[in-house]
PDB file of N, CA and C in Angstrom:
ATOM      1  N   MET A   1       6.242  26.513  15.513  1.00  0.00           N
ATOM      2  CA  MET A   1       5.704  27.394  16.577  1.00  0.00           C
ATOM      3  C   MET A   1       4.251  26.998  16.804  1.00  0.00           C
ATOM      4  N   PRO A   2       3.947  26.742  18.055  1.00  0.00           N
ATOM      5  CA  PRO A   2       2.551  26.303  18.392  1.00  0.00           C
ATOM      6  C   PRO A   2       1.520  27.442  18.085  1.00  0.00           C
ATOM      7  N   ARG A   3       0.323  26.962  17.681  1.00  0.00           N
ATOM      8  CA  ARG A   3      -0.739  27.931  17.398  1.00  0.00           C
ATOM      9  C   ARG A   3      -1.616  28.042  18.613  1.00  0.00           C
ATOM     10  N   SER A   4      -2.216  29.247  18.719  1.00  0.00           N
ATOM     11  CA  SER A   4      -3.169  29.489  19.830  1.00  0.00           C
ATOM     12  C   SER A   4      -4.501  28.812  19.551  1.00  0.00           C
ATOM     13  N   VAL A   5      -5.275  28.651  20.540  1.00  0.00           N
ATOM     14  CA  VAL A   5      -6.688  28.027  20.492  1.00  0.00           C
ATOM     15  C   VAL A   5      -7.416  28.788  19.414  1.00  0.00           C
ATOM     16  N   ASP A   6      -7.360  30.159  19.518  1.00  0.00           N
ATOM     17  CA  ASP A   6      -8.139  31.046  18.568  1.00  0.00           C
ATOM     18  C   ASP A   6      -7.712  30.778  17.105  1.00  0.00           C
ATOM     19  N   GLU A   7      -6.394  30.601  16.938  1.00  0.00           N
ATOM     20  CA  GLU A   7      -5.915  30.345  15.578  1.00  0.00           C
ATOM     21  C   GLU A   7      -6.409  28.915  15.016  1.00  0.00           C
ATOM     22  N   ILE A   8      -6.414  27.994  15.951  1.00  0.00           N
ATOM     23  CA  ILE A   8      -6.837  26.659  15.573  1.00  0.00           C
ATOM     24  C   ILE A   8      -8.355  26.628  15.223  1.00  0.00           C
ATOM     25  N   LEU A   9      -9.104  27.407  16.054  1.00  0.00           N
ATOM     26  CA  LEU A   9     -10.608  27.464  15.796  1.00  0.00           C
ATOM     27  C   LEU A   9     -10.878  28.273  14.541  1.00  0.00           C
ATOM     28  N   GLN A  10     -10.088  29.329  14.230  1.00  0.00           N
ATOM     29  CA  GLN A  10     -10.255  30.105  12.971  1.00  0.00           C
ATOM     30  C   GLN A  10      -9.953  29.174  11.770  1.00  0.00           C
ATOM     31  N   HIS A  11      -8.944  28.389  11.892  1.00  0.00           N
ATOM     32  CA  HIS A  11      -8.571  27.494  10.822  1.00  0.00           C
ATOM     33  C   HIS A  11      -9.678  26.467  10.612  1.00  0.00           C
ATOM     34  N   ALA A  12     -10.186  25.893  11.737  1.00  0.00           N
ATOM     35  CA  ALA A  12     -11.278  24.969  11.644  1.00  0.00           C
ATOM     36  C   ALA A  12     -12.566  25.553  11.001  1.00  0.00           C
ATOM     37  N   ASP A  13     -12.804  26.790  11.219  1.00  0.00           N
ATOM     38  CA  ASP A  13     -13.919  27.537  10.611  1.00  0.00           C
ATOM     39  C   ASP A  13     -13.694  27.721   9.154  1.00  0.00           C
ATOM     40  N   GLU A  14     -12.500  28.028   8.785  1.00  0.00           N
ATOM     41  CA  GLU A  14     -12.168  28.198   7.352  1.00  0.00           C
ATOM     42  C   GLU A  14     -12.286  26.866   6.571  1.00  0.00           C
ATOM     43  N   LEU A  15     -11.810  25.760   7.208  1.00  0.00           N
ATOM     44  CA  LEU A  15     -11.995  24.502   6.617  1.00  0.00           C
ATOM     45  C   LEU A  15     -13.466  24.066   6.490  1.00  0.00           C
ATOM     46  N   ALA A  16     -14.236  24.360   7.477  1.00  0.00           N
ATOM     47  CA  ALA A  16     -15.666  23.995   7.473  1.00  0.00           C
ATOM     48  C   ALA A  16     -16.366  24.763   6.334  1.00  0.00           C
ATOM     49  N   ALA A  17     -16.027  26.056   6.240  1.00  0.00           N
ATOM     50  CA  ALA A  17     -16.583  26.878   5.161  1.00  0.00           C
ATOM     51  C   ALA A  17     -16.228  26.357   3.826  1.00  0.00           C
ATOM     52  N   ARG A  18     -14.932  25.972   3.564  1.00  0.00           N
ATOM     53  CA  ARG A  18     -14.527  25.439   2.299  1.00  0.00           C
ATOM     54  C   ARG A  18     -15.331  24.127   2.009  1.00  0.00           C
ATOM     55  N   PHE A  19     -15.582  23.303   3.070  1.00  0.00           N
ATOM     56  CA  PHE A  19     -16.259  22.057   2.847  1.00  0.00           C
ATOM     57  C   PHE A  19     -17.635  22.296   2.441  1.00  0.00           C
ATOM     58  N   GLU A  20     -18.322  23.236   3.157  1.00  0.00           N
ATOM     59  CA  GLU A  20     -19.724  23.600   2.849  1.00  0.00           C
ATOM     60  C   GLU A  20     -19.915  24.148   1.504  1.00  0.00           C
ATOM     61  N   ASP A  21     -18.965  24.947   0.998  1.00  0.00           N
ATOM     62  CA  ASP A  21     -19.050  25.632  -0.298  1.00  0.00           C
ATOM     63  C   ASP A  21     -18.548  24.784  -1.474  1.00  0.00           C
ATOM     64  N   TYR A  22     -18.003  23.601  -1.167  1.00  0.00           N
ATOM     65  CA  TYR A  22     -17.423  22.773  -2.210  1.00  0.00           C
ATOM     66  C   TYR A  22     -18.457  22.258  -3.174  1.00  0.00           C
ATOM     67  N   GLU A  23     -18.171  22.490  -4.444  1.00  0.00           N
ATOM     68  CA  GLU A  23     -19.040  21.975  -5.538  1.00  0.00           C
ATOM     69  C   GLU A  23     -18.178  21.129  -6.442  1.00  0.00           C
ATOM     70  N   PRO A  24     -18.308  19.808  -6.457  1.00  0.00           N
ATOM     71  CA  PRO A  24     -17.459  19.067  -7.290  1.00  0.00           C
ATOM     72  C   PRO A  24     -17.728  19.258  -8.788  1.00  0.00           C
ATOM     73  N   LEU A  25     -16.679  19.172  -9.526  1.00  0.00           N
ATOM     74  CA  LEU A  25     -16.763  19.275 -10.974  1.00  0.00           C
ATOM     75  C   LEU A  25     -17.032  17.842 -11.575  1.00  0.00           C
ATOM     76  N   ASP A  26     -17.715  17.860 -12.709  1.00  0.00           N
ATOM     77  CA  ASP A  26     -18.010  16.566 -13.373  1.00  0.00           C
ATOM     78  C   ASP A  26     -16.667  15.827 -13.595  1.00  0.00           C
ATOM     79  N   ALA A  27     -15.598  16.570 -13.913  1.00  0.00           N
ATOM     80  CA  ALA A  27     -14.317  15.961 -14.205  1.00  0.00           C
ATOM     81  C   ALA A  27     -13.710  15.257 -13.020  1.00  0.00           C
ATOM     82  N   ASP A  28     -14.182  15.657 -11.822  1.00  0.00           N
ATOM     83  CA  ASP A  28     -13.693  15.069 -10.582  1.00  0.00           C
ATOM     84  C   ASP A  28     -14.417  13.729 -10.215  1.00  0.00           C
ATOM     85  N   GLU A  29     -15.499  13.469 -10.879  1.00  0.00           N
ATOM     86  CA  GLU A  29     -16.270  12.271 -10.583  1.00  0.00           C
ATOM     87  C   GLU A  29     -15.496  11.088 -11.069  1.00  0.00           C
ATOM     88  N   LEU A  30     -15.498   9.965 -10.280  1.00  0.00           N
ATOM     89  CA  LEU A  30     -14.803   8.778 -10.609  1.00  0.00           C
ATOM     90  C   LEU A  30     -15.857   7.680 -10.966  1.00  0.00           C
ATOM     91  N   ASP A  31     -15.477   6.884 -12.000  1.00  0.00           N
ATOM     92  CA  ASP A  31     -16.323   5.864 -12.421  1.00  0.00           C
ATOM     93  C   ASP A  31     -16.326   4.667 -11.329  1.00  0.00           C
ATOM     94  N   ALA A  32     -17.547   4.397 -10.866  1.00  0.00           N
ATOM     95  CA  ALA A  32     -17.618   3.407  -9.751  1.00  0.00           C
ATOM     96  C   ALA A  32     -17.037   2.049 -10.109  1.00  0.00           C
ATOM     97  N   ASN A  33     -17.316   1.571 -11.362  1.00  0.00           N
ATOM     98  CA  ASN A  33     -16.758   0.371 -11.862  1.00  0.00           C
ATOM     99  C   ASN A  33     -15.243   0.321 -11.812  1.00  0.00           C
ATOM    100  N   SER A  34     -14.694   1.392 -12.298  1.00  0.00           N
ATOM    101  CA  SER A  34     -13.186   1.483 -12.326  1.00  0.00           C
ATOM    102  C   SER A  34     -12.629   1.444 -10.907  1.00  0.00           C
ATOM    103  N   VAL A  35     -13.221   2.190 -10.042  1.00  0.00           N
ATOM    104  CA  VAL A  35     -12.776   2.212  -8.638  1.00  0.00           C
ATOM    105  C   VAL A  35     -12.829   0.864  -8.029  1.00  0.00           C
ATOM    106  N   ARG A  36     -13.987   0.179  -8.307  1.00  0.00           N
ATOM    107  CA  ARG A  36     -14.156  -1.197  -7.794  1.00  0.00           C
ATOM    108  C   ARG A  36     -13.082  -2.154  -8.305  1.00  0.00           C
ATOM    109  N   GLN A  37     -12.815  -2.024  -9.620  1.00  0.00           N
ATOM    110  CA  GLN A  37     -11.797  -2.917 -10.168  1.00  0.00           C
ATOM    111  C   GLN A  37     -10.381  -2.628  -9.570  1.00  0.00           C
ATOM    112  N   LEU A  38     -10.072  -1.290  -9.453  1.00  0.00           N
ATOM    113  CA  LEU A  38      -8.849  -0.985  -8.825  1.00  0.00           C
ATOM    114  C   LEU A  38      -8.681  -1.513  -7.440  1.00  0.00           C
ATOM    115  N   ARG A  39      -9.743  -1.291  -6.680  1.00  0.00           N
ATOM    116  CA  ARG A  39      -9.676  -1.723  -5.212  1.00  0.00           C
ATOM    117  C   ARG A  39      -9.495  -3.245  -5.204  1.00  0.00           C
ATOM    118  N   SER A  40     -10.164  -3.971  -6.115  1.00  0.00           N
ATOM    119  CA  SER A  40     -10.033  -5.447  -6.159  1.00  0.00           C
ATOM    120  C   SER A  40      -8.640  -5.817  -6.538  1.00  0.00           C
ATOM    121  N   ALA A  41      -8.091  -5.193  -7.492  1.00  0.00           N
ATOM    122  CA  ALA A  41      -6.697  -5.549  -8.020  1.00  0.00           C
ATOM    123  C   ALA A  41      -5.674  -5.189  -6.865  1.00  0.00           C
ATOM    124  N   VAL A  42      -5.872  -4.140  -6.181  1.00  0.00           N
ATOM    125  CA  VAL A  42      -4.929  -3.772  -5.053  1.00  0.00           C
ATOM    126  C   VAL A  42      -5.032  -4.865  -3.943  1.00  0.00           C
ATOM    127  N   GLN A  43      -6.328  -5.335  -3.663  1.00  0.00           N
ATOM    128  CA  GLN A  43      -6.432  -6.333  -2.646  1.00  0.00           C
ATOM    129  C   GLN A  43      -5.815  -7.680  -3.075  1.00  0.00           C
ATOM    130  N   GLU A  44      -6.016  -8.038  -4.330  1.00  0.00           N
ATOM    131  CA  GLU A  44      -5.437  -9.222  -4.852  1.00  0.00           C
ATOM    132  C   GLU A  44      -3.930  -9.213  -4.829  1.00  0.00           C
ATOM    133  N   ARG A  45      -3.311  -8.023  -5.208  1.00  0.00           N
ATOM    134  CA  ARG A  45      -1.896  -7.888  -5.114  1.00  0.00           C
ATOM    135  C   ARG A  45      -1.409  -8.031  -3.680  1.00  0.00           C
ATOM    136  N   SER A  46      -2.068  -7.407  -2.745  1.00  0.00           N
ATOM    137  CA  SER A  46      -1.733  -7.474  -1.337  1.00  0.00           C
ATOM    138  C   SER A  46      -1.823  -8.977  -0.855  1.00  0.00           C
ATOM    139  N   ASP A  47      -2.850  -9.632  -1.243  1.00  0.00           N
ATOM    140  CA  ASP A  47      -3.001 -11.094  -0.848  1.00  0.00           C
ATOM    141  C   ASP A  47      -1.893 -11.900  -1.444  1.00  0.00           C
ATOM    142  N   ALA A  48      -1.590 -11.644  -2.705  1.00  0.00           N
ATOM    143  CA  ALA A  48      -0.516 -12.425  -3.387  1.00  0.00           C
ATOM    144  C   ALA A  48       0.866 -12.130  -2.683  1.00  0.00           C
ATOM    145  N   GLU A  49       1.115 -10.928  -2.278  1.00  0.00           N
ATOM    146  CA  GLU A  49       2.393 -10.613  -1.572  1.00  0.00           C
ATOM    147  C   GLU A  49       2.420 -11.335  -0.239  1.00  0.00           C
ATOM    148  N   ARG A  50       1.312 -11.374   0.483  1.00  0.00           N
ATOM    149  CA  ARG A  50       1.284 -12.099   1.719  1.00  0.00           C
ATOM    150  C   ARG A  50       1.514 -13.640   1.454  1.00  0.00           C
ATOM    151  N   HIS A  51       0.893 -14.105   0.414  1.00  0.00           N
ATOM    152  CA  HIS A  51       1.173 -15.490   0.071  1.00  0.00           C
ATOM    153  C   HIS A  51       2.629 -15.808  -0.306  1.00  0.00           C
ATOM    154  N   MET A  52       3.209 -14.896  -1.033  1.00  0.00           N
ATOM    155  CA  MET A  52       4.540 -14.957  -1.400  1.00  0.00           C
ATOM    156  C   MET A  52       5.573 -15.010  -0.155  1.00  0.00           C
ATOM    157  N   ILE A  53       5.210 -14.081   0.747  1.00  0.00           N
ATOM    158  CA  ILE A  53       6.054 -14.008   1.928  1.00  0.00           C
ATOM    159  C   ILE A  53       5.932 -15.409   2.761  1.00  0.00           C
ATOM    160  N   ASP A  54       4.698 -15.917   2.815  1.00  0.00           N
ATOM    161  CA  ASP A  54       4.502 -17.180   3.529  1.00  0.00           C
ATOM    162  C   ASP A  54       5.261 -18.337   2.848  1.00  0.00           C
ATOM    163  N   ALA A  55       5.227 -18.321   1.515  1.00  0.00           N
ATOM    164  CA  ALA A  55       5.888 -19.367   0.781  1.00  0.00           C
ATOM    165  C   ALA A  55       7.404 -19.212   0.938  1.00  0.00           C
ATOM    166  N   ILE A  56       7.940 -18.085   0.767  1.00  0.00           N
ATOM    167  CA  ILE A  56       9.372 -17.812   1.024  1.00  0.00           C
ATOM    168  C   ILE A  56       9.801 -18.226   2.405  1.00  0.00           C
ATOM    169  N   ARG A  57       9.033 -17.814   3.373  1.00  0.00           N
ATOM    170  CA  ARG A  57       9.344 -18.206   4.807  1.00  0.00           C
ATOM    171  C   ARG A  57       9.335 -19.689   4.993  1.00  0.00           C
ATOM    172  N   ALA A  58       8.463 -20.435   4.405  1.00  0.00           N
ATOM    173  CA  ALA A  58       8.472 -21.894   4.460  1.00  0.00           C
ATOM    174  C   ALA A  58       9.639 -22.462   3.688  1.00  0.00           C
ATOM    175  N   ALA A  59      10.002 -21.894   2.518  1.00  0.00           N
ATOM    176  CA  ALA A  59      11.139 -22.338   1.744  1.00  0.00           C
ATOM    177  C   ALA A  59      12.474 -22.163   2.589  1.00  0.00           C
ATOM    178  N   ARG A  60      12.619 -20.991   3.172  1.00  0.00           N
ATOM    179  CA  ARG A  60      13.759 -20.741   3.967  1.00  0.00           C
ATOM    180  C   ARG A  60      13.826 -21.632   5.142  1.00  0.00           C
ATOM    181  N   ALA A  61      12.698 -21.862   5.819  1.00  0.00           N
ATOM    182  CA  ALA A  61      12.682 -22.711   6.984  1.00  0.00           C
ATOM    183  C   ALA A  61      13.112 -24.181   6.596  1.00  0.00           C
ATOM    184  N   SER A  62      12.780 -24.563   5.360  1.00  0.00           N
ATOM    185  CA  SER A  62      13.143 -25.899   4.902  1.00  0.00           C
ATOM    186  C   SER A  62      14.608 -26.001   4.393  1.00  0.00           C
ATOM    187  N   GLY A  63      15.317 -24.874   4.469  1.00  0.00           N
ATOM    188  CA  GLY A  63      16.735 -24.798   4.000  1.00  0.00           C
ATOM    189  C   GLY A  63      16.949 -24.424   2.635  1.00  0.00           C
ATOM    190  N   MET A  64      15.954 -23.928   1.863  1.00  0.00           N
ATOM    191  CA  MET A  64      16.139 -23.565   0.476  1.00  0.00           C
ATOM    192  C   MET A  64      17.065 -22.314   0.508  1.00  0.00           C
ATOM    193  N   SER A  65      17.913 -22.233  -0.521  1.00  0.00           N
ATOM    194  CA  SER A  65      18.797 -21.023  -0.612  1.00  0.00           C
ATOM    195  C   SER A  65      18.027 -19.892  -1.268  1.00  0.00           C
ATOM    196  N   TRP A  66      18.614 -18.724  -1.003  1.00  0.00           N
ATOM    197  CA  TRP A  66      18.024 -17.500  -1.688  1.00  0.00           C
ATOM    198  C   TRP A  66      18.125 -17.626  -3.130  1.00  0.00           C
ATOM    199  N   SER A  67      19.198 -18.205  -3.638  1.00  0.00           N
ATOM    200  CA  SER A  67      19.460 -18.416  -5.068  1.00  0.00           C
ATOM    201  C   SER A  67      18.332 -19.259  -5.613  1.00  0.00           C
ATOM    202  N   ALA A  68      17.946 -20.381  -5.055  1.00  0.00           N
ATOM    203  CA  ALA A  68      16.960 -21.243  -5.505  1.00  0.00           C
ATOM    204  C   ALA A  68      15.549 -20.551  -5.469  1.00  0.00           C
ATOM    205  N   ILE A  69      15.309 -19.826  -4.397  1.00  0.00           N
ATOM    206  CA  ILE A  69      14.059 -19.110  -4.294  1.00  0.00           C
ATOM    207  C   ILE A  69      13.986 -18.081  -5.399  1.00  0.00           C
ATOM    208  N   GLY A  70      15.109 -17.327  -5.611  1.00  0.00           N
ATOM    209  CA  GLY A  70      15.148 -16.355  -6.715  1.00  0.00           C
ATOM    210  C   GLY A  70      14.818 -16.956  -8.081  1.00  0.00           C
ATOM    211  N   MET A  71      15.264 -18.232  -8.309  1.00  0.00           N
ATOM    212  CA  MET A  71      15.017 -18.872  -9.566  1.00  0.00           C
ATOM    213  C   MET A  71      13.440 -19.072  -9.731  1.00  0.00           C
ATOM    214  N   PHE A  72      12.825 -19.474  -8.596  1.00  0.00           N
ATOM    215  CA  PHE A  72      11.341 -19.689  -8.679  1.00  0.00           C
ATOM    216  C   PHE A  72      10.577 -18.411  -8.803  1.00  0.00           C
ATOM    217  N   VAL A  73      11.070 -17.300  -8.179  1.00  0.00           N
ATOM    218  CA  VAL A  73      10.405 -16.068  -8.219  1.00  0.00           C
ATOM    219  C   VAL A  73      10.717 -15.270  -9.545  1.00  0.00           C
ATOM    220  N   GLY A  74      11.754 -15.642 -10.294  1.00  0.00           N
ATOM    221  CA  GLY A  74      12.081 -15.093 -11.568  1.00  0.00           C
ATOM    222  C   GLY A  74      13.013 -13.915 -11.395  1.00  0.00           C
ATOM    223  N   THR A  75      13.845 -13.990 -10.382  1.00  0.00           N
ATOM    224  CA  THR A  75      14.862 -12.977 -10.213  1.00  0.00           C
ATOM    225  C   THR A  75      16.136 -13.526  -9.572  1.00  0.00           C
ATOM    226  N   SER A  76      17.082 -12.756  -9.274  1.00  0.00           N
ATOM    227  CA  SER A  76      18.270 -13.361  -8.681  1.00  0.00           C
ATOM    228  C   SER A  76      18.116 -13.642  -7.215  1.00  0.00           C
ATOM    229  N   GLY A  77      18.931 -14.476  -6.665  1.00  0.00           N
ATOM    230  CA  GLY A  77      18.916 -14.696  -5.205  1.00  0.00           C
ATOM    231  C   GLY A  77      19.114 -13.539  -4.399  1.00  0.00           C
ATOM    232  N   GLU A  78      20.044 -12.655  -4.872  1.00  0.00           N
ATOM    233  CA  GLU A  78      20.398 -11.460  -4.076  1.00  0.00           C
ATOM    234  C   GLU A  78      19.148 -10.468  -4.114  1.00  0.00           C
ATOM    235  N   ALA A  79      18.468 -10.333  -5.226  1.00  0.00           N
ATOM    236  CA  ALA A  79      17.318  -9.467  -5.334  1.00  0.00           C
ATOM    237  C   ALA A  79      16.235  -9.942  -4.381  1.00  0.00           C
ATOM    238  N   VAL A  80      15.935 -11.235  -4.368  1.00  0.00           N
ATOM    239  CA  VAL A  80      14.893 -11.774  -3.589  1.00  0.00           C
ATOM    240  C   VAL A  80      15.266 -11.705  -2.136  1.00  0.00           C
ATOM    241  N   ARG A  81      16.558 -11.912  -1.830  1.00  0.00           N
ATOM    242  CA  ARG A  81      16.955 -11.768  -0.397  1.00  0.00           C
ATOM    243  C   ARG A  81      16.820 -10.386   0.046  1.00  0.00           C
ATOM    244  N   GLN A  82      17.192  -9.346  -0.752  1.00  0.00           N
ATOM    245  CA  GLN A  82      17.079  -7.999  -0.394  1.00  0.00           C
ATOM    246  C   GLN A  82      15.602  -7.633  -0.124  1.00  0.00           C
ATOM    247  N   ARG A  83      14.777  -8.068  -0.953  1.00  0.00           N
ATOM    248  CA  ARG A  83      13.378  -7.722  -0.824  1.00  0.00           C
ATOM    249  C   ARG A  83      12.644  -8.373   0.269  1.00  0.00           C
ATOM    250  N   TYR A  84      12.955  -9.636   0.593  1.00  0.00           N
ATOM    251  CA  TYR A  84      12.186 -10.423   1.567  1.00  0.00           C
ATOM    252  C   TYR A  84      12.795 -10.850   2.815  1.00  0.00           C
ATOM    253  N   SER A  85      14.134 -10.733   2.906  1.00  0.00           N
ATOM    254  CA  SER A  85      14.770 -11.238   4.065  1.00  0.00           C
ATOM    255  C   SER A  85      14.342 -10.598   5.402  1.00  0.00           C
ATOM    256  N   GLY A  86      13.986  -9.429   5.432  1.00  0.00           N
ATOM    257  CA  GLY A  86      13.483  -8.762   6.642  1.00  0.00           C
ATOM    258  C   GLY A  86      11.995  -9.072   6.871  1.00  0.00           C
ATOM    259  N   LYS A  87      11.313  -9.660   5.929  1.00  0.00           N
ATOM    260  CA  LYS A  87       9.909  -9.954   6.106  1.00  0.00           C
ATOM    261  C   LYS A  87       9.623 -11.372   6.434  1.00  0.00           C
ATOM    262  N   VAL A  88      10.675 -12.224   6.238  1.00  0.00           N
ATOM    263  CA  VAL A  88      10.416 -13.688   6.482  1.00  0.00           C
ATOM    264  C   VAL A  88      11.155 -14.187   7.783  1.00  0.00           C
ATOM    265  N   ALA A  89      11.944 -13.298   8.374  1.00  0.00           N
ATOM    266  CA  ALA A  89      12.686 -13.776   9.570  1.00  0.00           C
ATOM    267  C   ALA A  89      11.755 -13.976  10.748  1.00  0.00           C
TER     268      ALA A  89
END
C-alpha cells in the first residue's frame, strides 16, 4: 500500500533523529588493518575469478573439454561446466 507524502516525511524525520542520536559502542568499532586486509583479499579473489573465467574461455575456444579443464581446476568436468559455462559463452 503506497504511503502518503506526510508518512514518508515523518519516516525521514525519524531516521534523521536516529542518525543524529546514534552513539557507536566501542564493540562496534572495526580494526582498520583487518578491514584493509579483508578488502584486499576480496579484491584479490575477484581478480582471480576474472582471470579464471578468461583462462577457461580461452581453453574452451581452443577446443579443450570441460573434463580436461576440470582436471586443471581440481574438480570434475561437470562441476566446472556448471559453474562456468554461462560465464564463458
